[in-house]
Amino acid sequence: MASKKRVKKRRIKEDQLVTFTVKASQFIQQYFTHVVIGLVVLVVAVGAILVSGHVRRNAARESEREFALAMSQYNFRDLATAETSFKQIADKYGSHKNGELSRYFLGKTLLAEGKYDEALKAFDRYLAKSAKDAPFRAAASIGKATCMEGLRNFAPAAEVLEELSRTLDEKDPRFFDVLLQAGRDFEKAGSRDKAAEFYRRVAGDATGTLKDRASVALSQVE
């Protein structure tokens, strides 16, 4: 009796296996094209991700190499070559860190060449595209104001510096220089009261030669 039960159970298992195999075969035959397409799409997607990551890594390494060369040209005052290099890096690697930095140093290079209009545009592009905590935002604003001074646009330059003074940390070593420069620009723009306001802040809170220069300037506008 026990032997018959074991045979019956084995036949049930075999029947279930056969049924599963048949159904699986039917499913594969029915959806074979869809399965193949799905596998192909999966392989292509994985491949695209791997290739994209490889391309990004190569682009980052290449941008670092080109940026280092451009900085060397800038530091050795080969300004015309540095200008071309920074422009190319900003165009090619705009979304990379070095592409962003190149926009700033392009502004610095153009400013050193006396190309105030172009430098102003480069600083504006850097300020427009860089993050709020980007390392050279304050320096770019100072560069922008310097370009405006070179173009004899003293009132807008003073406003840029006044805006910067509101966000710049008072412990920043450039803080009182910014105030003094703003005061000078307001004075040149004919706004003696505003100039006195900035000179007074420097004369009251700064030390050393900055304090002395601000005190002299204040005495001339009051």
C-alpha atoms as a PDB file:
ATOM      1  CA  MET A   1       0.000   0.000   0.000  1.00  0.00           C
ATOM      2  CA  ALA A   2       2.819   2.353   0.973  1.00  0.00           C
ATOM      3  CA  SER A   3       4.541   1.538  -2.301  1.00  0.00           C
ATOM      4  CA  LYS A   4       1.454   2.564  -4.295  1.00  0.00           C
ATOM      5  CA  LYS A   5       1.276   5.918  -2.420  1.00  0.00           C
ATOM      6  CA  ARG A   6       4.936   6.668  -3.210  1.00  0.00           C
ATOM      7  CA  VAL A   7       4.372   5.880  -6.894  1.00  0.00           C
ATOM      8  CA  LYS A   8       1.295   8.104  -6.939  1.00  0.00           C
ATOM      9  CA  LYS A   9       3.193  11.027  -5.328  1.00  0.00           C
ATOM     10  CA  ARG A  10       6.074  10.598  -7.791  1.00  0.00           C
ATOM     11  CA  ARG A  11       3.637  10.683 -10.727  1.00  0.00           C
ATOM     12  CA  ILE A  12       2.016  13.861  -9.342  1.00  0.00           C
ATOM     13  CA  LYS A  13       5.441  15.560  -9.085  1.00  0.00           C
ATOM     14  CA  GLU A  14       6.337  14.399 -12.566  1.00  0.00           C
ATOM     15  CA  ASP A  15       3.005  15.681 -13.894  1.00  0.00           C
ATOM     16  CA  GLN A  16       3.588  19.054 -12.212  1.00  0.00           C
ATOM     17  CA  LEU A  17       7.080  19.249 -13.691  1.00  0.00           C
ATOM     18  CA  VAL A  18       5.771  18.382 -17.143  1.00  0.00           C
ATOM     19  CA  THR A  19       2.978  20.944 -16.798  1.00  0.00           C
ATOM     20  CA  PHE A  20       5.446  23.651 -15.707  1.00  0.00           C
ATOM     21  CA  THR A  21       7.831  22.805 -18.546  1.00  0.00           C
ATOM     22  CA  VAL A  22       5.043  22.891 -21.115  1.00  0.00           C
ATOM     23  CA  LYS A  23       3.714  26.214 -19.812  1.00  0.00           C
ATOM     24  CA  ALA A  24       7.198  27.713 -19.702  1.00  0.00           C
ATOM     25  CA  SER A  25       7.795  26.542 -23.260  1.00  0.00           C
ATOM     26  CA  GLN A  26       4.509  28.016 -24.384  1.00  0.00           C
ATOM     27  CA  PHE A  27       5.290  31.326 -22.621  1.00  0.00           C
ATOM     28  CA  ILE A  28       8.715  31.566 -24.258  1.00  0.00           C
ATOM     29  CA  GLN A  29       7.273  30.787 -27.669  1.00  0.00           C
ATOM     30  CA  GLN A  30       4.492  33.308 -27.232  1.00  0.00           C
ATOM     31  CA  TYR A  31       6.638  36.116 -25.839  1.00  0.00           C
ATOM     32  CA  PHE A  32      10.006  35.211 -27.316  1.00  0.00           C
ATOM     33  CA  THR A  33      10.325  38.453 -29.312  1.00  0.00           C
ATOM     34  CA  HIS A  34       9.405  40.574 -26.285  1.00  0.00           C
ATOM     35  CA  VAL A  35      11.884  38.735 -24.067  1.00  0.00           C
ATOM     36  CA  VAL A  36      14.697  39.165 -26.577  1.00  0.00           C
ATOM     37  CA  ILE A  37      13.906  42.855 -27.058  1.00  0.00           C
ATOM     38  CA  GLY A  38      13.820  43.345 -23.285  1.00  0.00           C
ATOM     39  CA  LEU A  39      17.212  41.709 -22.885  1.00  0.00           C
ATOM     40  CA  VAL A  40      18.681  43.768 -25.717  1.00  0.00           C
ATOM     41  CA  VAL A  41      17.319  46.998 -24.200  1.00  0.00           C
ATOM     42  CA  LEU A  42      18.762  46.037 -20.811  1.00  0.00           C
ATOM     43  CA  VAL A  43      22.193  45.279 -22.286  1.00  0.00           C
ATOM     44  CA  VAL A  44      22.190  48.534 -24.273  1.00  0.00           C
ATOM     45  CA  ALA A  45      21.153  50.551 -21.199  1.00  0.00           C
ATOM     46  CA  VAL A  46      23.872  49.037 -19.032  1.00  0.00           C
ATOM     47  CA  GLY A  47      26.410  49.582 -21.795  1.00  0.00           C
ATOM     48  CA  ALA A  48      25.346  53.210 -22.205  1.00  0.00           C
ATOM     49  CA  ILE A  49      25.748  53.837 -18.483  1.00  0.00           C
ATOM     50  CA  LEU A  50      29.225  52.326 -18.468  1.00  0.00           C
ATOM     51  CA  VAL A  51      30.293  54.267 -21.573  1.00  0.00           C
ATOM     52  CA  SER A  52      28.840  57.505 -20.205  1.00  0.00           C
ATOM     53  CA  GLY A  53      30.757  57.105 -16.946  1.00  0.00           C
ATOM     54  CA  HIS A  54      33.959  56.387 -18.852  1.00  0.00           C
ATOM     55  CA  VAL A  55      33.459  59.456 -21.063  1.00  0.00           C
ATOM     56  CA  ARG A  56      32.824  61.696 -18.029  1.00  0.00           C
ATOM     57  CA  ARG A  57      35.958  60.461 -16.289  1.00  0.00           C
ATOM     58  CA  ASN A  58      38.037  61.046 -19.414  1.00  0.00           C
ATOM     59  CA  ALA A  59      36.540  64.527 -19.867  1.00  0.00           C
ATOM     60  CA  ALA A  60      37.318  65.407 -16.249  1.00  0.00           C
ATOM     61  CA  ARG A  61      40.943  64.273 -16.604  1.00  0.00           C
ATOM     62  CA  GLU A  62      41.357  66.120 -19.903  1.00  0.00           C
ATOM     63  CA  SER A  63      39.838  69.307 -18.486  1.00  0.00           C
ATOM     64  CA  GLU A  64      42.243  69.160 -15.542  1.00  0.00           C
ATOM     65  CA  ARG A  65      45.219  68.818 -17.882  1.00  0.00           C
ATOM     66  CA  GLU A  66      44.098  71.698 -20.109  1.00  0.00           C
ATOM     67  CA  PHE A  67      43.237  73.920 -17.154  1.00  0.00           C
ATOM     68  CA  ALA A  68      46.646  73.360 -15.559  1.00  0.00           C
ATOM     69  CA  LEU A  69      48.295  74.376 -18.846  1.00  0.00           C
ATOM     70  CA  ALA A  70      46.115  77.507 -19.119  1.00  0.00           C
ATOM     71  CA  MET A  71      46.969  78.491 -15.537  1.00  0.00           C
ATOM     72  CA  SER A  72      50.656  78.096 -16.324  1.00  0.00           C
ATOM     73  CA  GLN A  73      50.229  80.418 -19.305  1.00  0.00           C
ATOM     74  CA  TYR A  74      48.386  82.935 -17.133  1.00  0.00           C
ATOM     75  CA  ASN A  75      50.971  82.836 -14.333  1.00  0.00           C
ATOM     76  CA  PHE A  76      53.802  83.381 -16.811  1.00  0.00           C
ATOM     77  CA  ARG A  77      51.842  86.351 -18.250  1.00  0.00           C
ATOM     78  CA  ASP A  78      51.374  84.743 -21.652  1.00  0.00           C
ATOM     79  CA  LEU A  79      47.977  86.419 -21.615  1.00  0.00           C
ATOM     80  CA  ALA A  80      47.004  86.079 -25.270  1.00  0.00           C
ATOM     81  CA  THR A  81      47.570  82.303 -25.185  1.00  0.00           C
ATOM     82  CA  ALA A  82      45.900  81.978 -21.780  1.00  0.00           C
ATOM     83  CA  GLU A  83      42.862  83.859 -23.090  1.00  0.00           C
ATOM     84  CA  THR A  84      42.460  81.377 -25.948  1.00  0.00           C
ATOM     85  CA  SER A  85      42.959  78.409 -23.618  1.00  0.00           C
ATOM     86  CA  PHE A  86      40.427  79.554 -21.033  1.00  0.00           C
ATOM     87  CA  LYS A  87      37.857  80.259 -23.758  1.00  0.00           C
ATOM     88  CA  GLN A  88      38.279  76.757 -25.199  1.00  0.00           C
ATOM     89  CA  ILE A  89      38.019  75.075 -21.791  1.00  0.00           C
ATOM     90  CA  ALA A  90      34.894  77.066 -20.879  1.00  0.00           C
ATOM     91  CA  ASP A  91      33.282  76.069 -24.187  1.00  0.00           C
ATOM     92  CA  LYS A  92      34.294  72.390 -24.071  1.00  0.00           C
ATOM     93  CA  TYR A  93      33.848  71.671 -20.366  1.00  0.00           C
ATOM     94  CA  GLY A  94      31.235  74.186 -19.276  1.00  0.00           C
ATOM     95  CA  SER A  95      29.496  71.684 -16.979  1.00  0.00           C
ATOM     96  CA  HIS A  96      32.746  70.588 -15.313  1.00  0.00           C
ATOM     97  CA  LYS A  97      34.419  72.376 -12.406  1.00  0.00           C
ATOM     98  CA  ASN A  98      37.341  73.452 -14.579  1.00  0.00           C
ATOM     99  CA  GLY A  99      34.989  74.835 -17.209  1.00  0.00           C
ATOM    100  CA  GLU A 100      33.381  77.009 -14.531  1.00  0.00           C
ATOM    101  CA  LEU A 101      36.754  78.155 -13.167  1.00  0.00           C
ATOM    102  CA  SER A 102      37.894  78.978 -16.702  1.00  0.00           C
ATOM    103  CA  ARG A 103      35.100  81.537 -17.036  1.00  0.00           C
ATOM    104  CA  TYR A 104      36.449  83.342 -13.969  1.00  0.00           C
ATOM    105  CA  PHE A 105      40.090  83.220 -15.050  1.00  0.00           C
ATOM    106  CA  LEU A 106      39.098  84.289 -18.551  1.00  0.00           C
ATOM    107  CA  GLY A 107      37.691  87.433 -16.937  1.00  0.00           C
ATOM    108  CA  LYS A 108      40.938  87.936 -14.999  1.00  0.00           C
ATOM    109  CA  THR A 109      42.991  87.469 -18.158  1.00  0.00           C
ATOM    110  CA  LEU A 110      40.901  89.888 -20.215  1.00  0.00           C
ATOM    111  CA  LEU A 111      41.029  92.433 -17.383  1.00  0.00           C
ATOM    112  CA  ALA A 112      44.828  92.180 -17.283  1.00  0.00           C
ATOM    113  CA  GLU A 113      44.832  92.806 -21.049  1.00  0.00           C
ATOM    114  CA  GLY A 114      42.695  95.912 -20.598  1.00  0.00           C
ATOM    115  CA  LYS A 115      39.751  94.400 -22.475  1.00  0.00           C
ATOM    116  CA  TYR A 116      37.175  95.739 -20.032  1.00  0.00           C
ATOM    117  CA  ASP A 117      34.009  95.028 -22.041  1.00  0.00           C
ATOM    118  CA  GLU A 118      34.945  91.402 -22.681  1.00  0.00           C
ATOM    119  CA  ALA A 119      36.191  90.888 -19.134  1.00  0.00           C
ATOM    120  CA  LEU A 120      32.924  92.257 -17.756  1.00  0.00           C
ATOM    121  CA  LYS A 121      30.959  89.748 -19.837  1.00  0.00           C
ATOM    122  CA  ALA A 122      33.195  86.881 -18.661  1.00  0.00           C
ATOM    123  CA  PHE A 123      32.710  87.805 -14.991  1.00  0.00           C
ATOM    124  CA  ASP A 124      28.946  88.111 -15.553  1.00  0.00           C
ATOM    125  CA  ARG A 125      28.853  84.627 -17.121  1.00  0.00           C
ATOM    126  CA  TYR A 126      30.784  83.193 -14.192  1.00  0.00           C
ATOM    127  CA  LEU A 127      28.470  84.837 -11.653  1.00  0.00           C
ATOM    128  CA  ALA A 128      25.374  83.720 -13.576  1.00  0.00           C
ATOM    129  CA  LYS A 129      26.429  80.074 -13.922  1.00  0.00           C
ATOM    130  CA  SER A 130      28.410  79.363 -10.750  1.00  0.00           C
ATOM    131  CA  ALA A 131      26.940  78.154  -7.478  1.00  0.00           C
ATOM    132  CA  LYS A 132      26.202  80.641  -4.691  1.00  0.00           C
ATOM    133  CA  ASP A 133      29.087  79.208  -2.648  1.00  0.00           C
ATOM    134  CA  ALA A 134      31.551  79.081  -5.547  1.00  0.00           C
ATOM    135  CA  PRO A 135      35.069  80.053  -4.383  1.00  0.00           C
ATOM    136  CA  PHE A 136      35.597  83.078  -6.649  1.00  0.00           C
ATOM    137  CA  ARG A 137      32.197  84.790  -6.556  1.00  0.00           C
ATOM    138  CA  ALA A 138      33.419  87.678  -4.394  1.00  0.00           C
ATOM    139  CA  ALA A 139      36.562  88.044  -6.487  1.00  0.00           C
ATOM    140  CA  ALA A 140      34.447  88.028  -9.666  1.00  0.00           C
ATOM    141  CA  SER A 141      32.277  90.840  -8.272  1.00  0.00           C
ATOM    142  CA  ILE A 142      35.403  92.863  -7.472  1.00  0.00           C
ATOM    143  CA  GLY A 143      36.696  92.140 -10.980  1.00  0.00           C
ATOM    144  CA  LYS A 144      33.361  93.235 -12.424  1.00  0.00           C
ATOM    145  CA  ALA A 145      33.523  96.537 -10.531  1.00  0.00           C
ATOM    146  CA  THR A 146      37.122  97.057 -11.682  1.00  0.00           C
ATOM    147  CA  CYS A 147      36.017  96.588 -15.304  1.00  0.00           C
ATOM    148  CA  MET A 148      33.293  99.203 -14.809  1.00  0.00           C
ATOM    149  CA  GLU A 149      35.865 101.589 -13.352  1.00  0.00           C
ATOM    150  CA  GLY A 150      38.030 101.032 -16.428  1.00  0.00           C
ATOM    151  CA  LEU A 151      35.009 101.955 -18.546  1.00  0.00           C
ATOM    152  CA  ARG A 152      34.456 105.064 -16.343  1.00  0.00           C
ATOM    153  CA  ASN A 153      31.115 103.701 -15.117  1.00  0.00           C
ATOM    154  CA  PHE A 154      31.701 104.593 -11.468  1.00  0.00           C
ATOM    155  CA  ALA A 155      28.109 104.586 -10.189  1.00  0.00           C
ATOM    156  CA  PRO A 156      27.370 100.974 -11.317  1.00  0.00           C
ATOM    157  CA  ALA A 157      30.789  99.906  -9.997  1.00  0.00           C
ATOM    158  CA  ALA A 158      29.991 101.400  -6.591  1.00  0.00           C
ATOM    159  CA  GLU A 159      26.637  99.601  -6.530  1.00  0.00           C
ATOM    160  CA  VAL A 160      28.280  96.247  -7.270  1.00  0.00           C
ATOM    161  CA  LEU A 161      30.712  96.779  -4.395  1.00  0.00           C
ATOM    162  CA  GLU A 162      27.962  97.986  -2.066  1.00  0.00           C
ATOM    163  CA  GLU A 163      25.995  94.811  -2.799  1.00  0.00           C
ATOM    164  CA  LEU A 164      29.103  92.696  -2.219  1.00  0.00           C
ATOM    165  CA  SER A 165      29.759  94.415   1.124  1.00  0.00           C
ATOM    166  CA  ARG A 166      26.366  93.178   2.355  1.00  0.00           C
ATOM    167  CA  THR A 167      27.292  89.522   1.850  1.00  0.00           C
ATOM    168  CA  LEU A 168      31.055  89.558   2.448  1.00  0.00           C
ATOM    169  CA  ASP A 169      32.150  88.437   5.909  1.00  0.00           C
ATOM    170  CA  GLU A 170      33.607  91.320   7.911  1.00  0.00           C
ATOM    171  CA  LYS A 171      36.506  89.032   8.847  1.00  0.00           C
ATOM    172  CA  ASP A 172      37.360  88.595   5.159  1.00  0.00           C
ATOM    173  CA  PRO A 173      40.680  90.402   4.542  1.00  0.00           C
ATOM    174  CA  ARG A 174      39.111  92.078   1.487  1.00  0.00           C
ATOM    175  CA  PHE A 175      36.170  93.552   3.393  1.00  0.00           C
ATOM    176  CA  PHE A 176      37.564  97.015   4.173  1.00  0.00           C
ATOM    177  CA  ASP A 177      39.274  97.223   0.770  1.00  0.00           C
ATOM    178  CA  VAL A 178      35.834  96.704  -0.803  1.00  0.00           C
ATOM    179  CA  LEU A 179      34.340  99.462   1.372  1.00  0.00           C
ATOM    180  CA  LEU A 180      37.142 101.871   0.514  1.00  0.00           C
ATOM    181  CA  GLN A 181      36.886 101.093  -3.216  1.00  0.00           C
ATOM    182  CA  ALA A 182      33.126 101.604  -3.066  1.00  0.00           C
ATOM    183  CA  GLY A 183      33.639 104.955  -1.362  1.00  0.00           C
ATOM    184  CA  ARG A 184      36.033 106.083  -4.075  1.00  0.00           C
ATOM    185  CA  ASP A 185      33.608 105.020  -6.810  1.00  0.00           C
ATOM    186  CA  PHE A 186      30.729 106.859  -5.151  1.00  0.00           C
ATOM    187  CA  GLU A 187      32.942 109.946  -4.866  1.00  0.00           C
ATOM    188  CA  LYS A 188      33.921 109.774  -8.555  1.00  0.00           C
ATOM    189  CA  ALA A 189      30.257 109.326  -9.459  1.00  0.00           C
ATOM    190  CA  GLY A 190      29.459 112.566  -7.580  1.00  0.00           C
ATOM    191  CA  SER A 191      27.718 110.899  -4.604  1.00  0.00           C
ATOM    192  CA  ARG A 192      29.738 112.551  -1.840  1.00  0.00           C
ATOM    193  CA  ASP A 193      27.306 111.587   0.939  1.00  0.00           C
ATOM    194  CA  LYS A 194      27.474 107.906  -0.008  1.00  0.00           C
ATOM    195  CA  ALA A 195      31.251 108.150  -0.328  1.00  0.00           C
ATOM    196  CA  ALA A 196      31.476 109.641   3.162  1.00  0.00           C
ATOM    197  CA  GLU A 197      29.334 106.800   4.526  1.00  0.00           C
ATOM    198  CA  PHE A 198      31.781 104.171   3.281  1.00  0.00           C
ATOM    199  CA  TYR A 199      34.893 106.152   4.199  1.00  0.00           C
ATOM    200  CA  ARG A 200      33.490 106.578   7.713  1.00  0.00           C
ATOM    201  CA  ARG A 201      33.029 102.840   8.173  1.00  0.00           C
ATOM    202  CA  VAL A 202      36.619 102.132   7.125  1.00  0.00           C
ATOM    203  CA  ALA A 203      38.047 104.988   9.208  1.00  0.00           C
ATOM    204  CA  GLY A 204      36.105 103.796  12.243  1.00  0.00           C
ATOM    205  CA  ASP A 205      36.679 100.033  12.095  1.00  0.00           C
ATOM    206  CA  ALA A 206      39.782  99.322   9.983  1.00  0.00           C
ATOM    207  CA  THR A 207      43.389  99.518  11.139  1.00  0.00           C
ATOM    208  CA  GLY A 208      46.746 100.585   9.707  1.00  0.00           C
ATOM    209  CA  THR A 209      47.092 102.252   6.325  1.00  0.00           C
ATOM    210  CA  LEU A 210      43.513 101.492   5.303  1.00  0.00           C
ATOM    211  CA  LYS A 211      42.236 103.474   8.304  1.00  0.00           C
ATOM    212  CA  ASP A 212      44.606 106.362   7.492  1.00  0.00           C
ATOM    213  CA  ARG A 213      43.640 106.483   3.809  1.00  0.00           C
ATOM    214  CA  ALA A 214      39.948 106.392   4.636  1.00  0.00           C
ATOM    215  CA  SER A 215      40.352 109.180   7.199  1.00  0.00           C
ATOM    216  CA  VAL A 216      42.091 111.399   4.635  1.00  0.00           C
ATOM    217  CA  ALA A 217      39.439 110.645   2.003  1.00  0.00           C
ATOM    218  CA  LEU A 218      36.650 111.347   4.501  1.00  0.00           C
ATOM    219  CA  SER A 219      38.109 114.761   5.369  1.00  0.00           C
ATOM    220  CA  GLN A 220      37.992 115.675   1.661  1.00  0.00           C
ATOM    221  CA  VAL A 221      34.308 114.881   1.134  1.00  0.00           C
ATOM    222  CA  GLU A 222      32.767 116.093   4.394  1.00  0.00           C
END
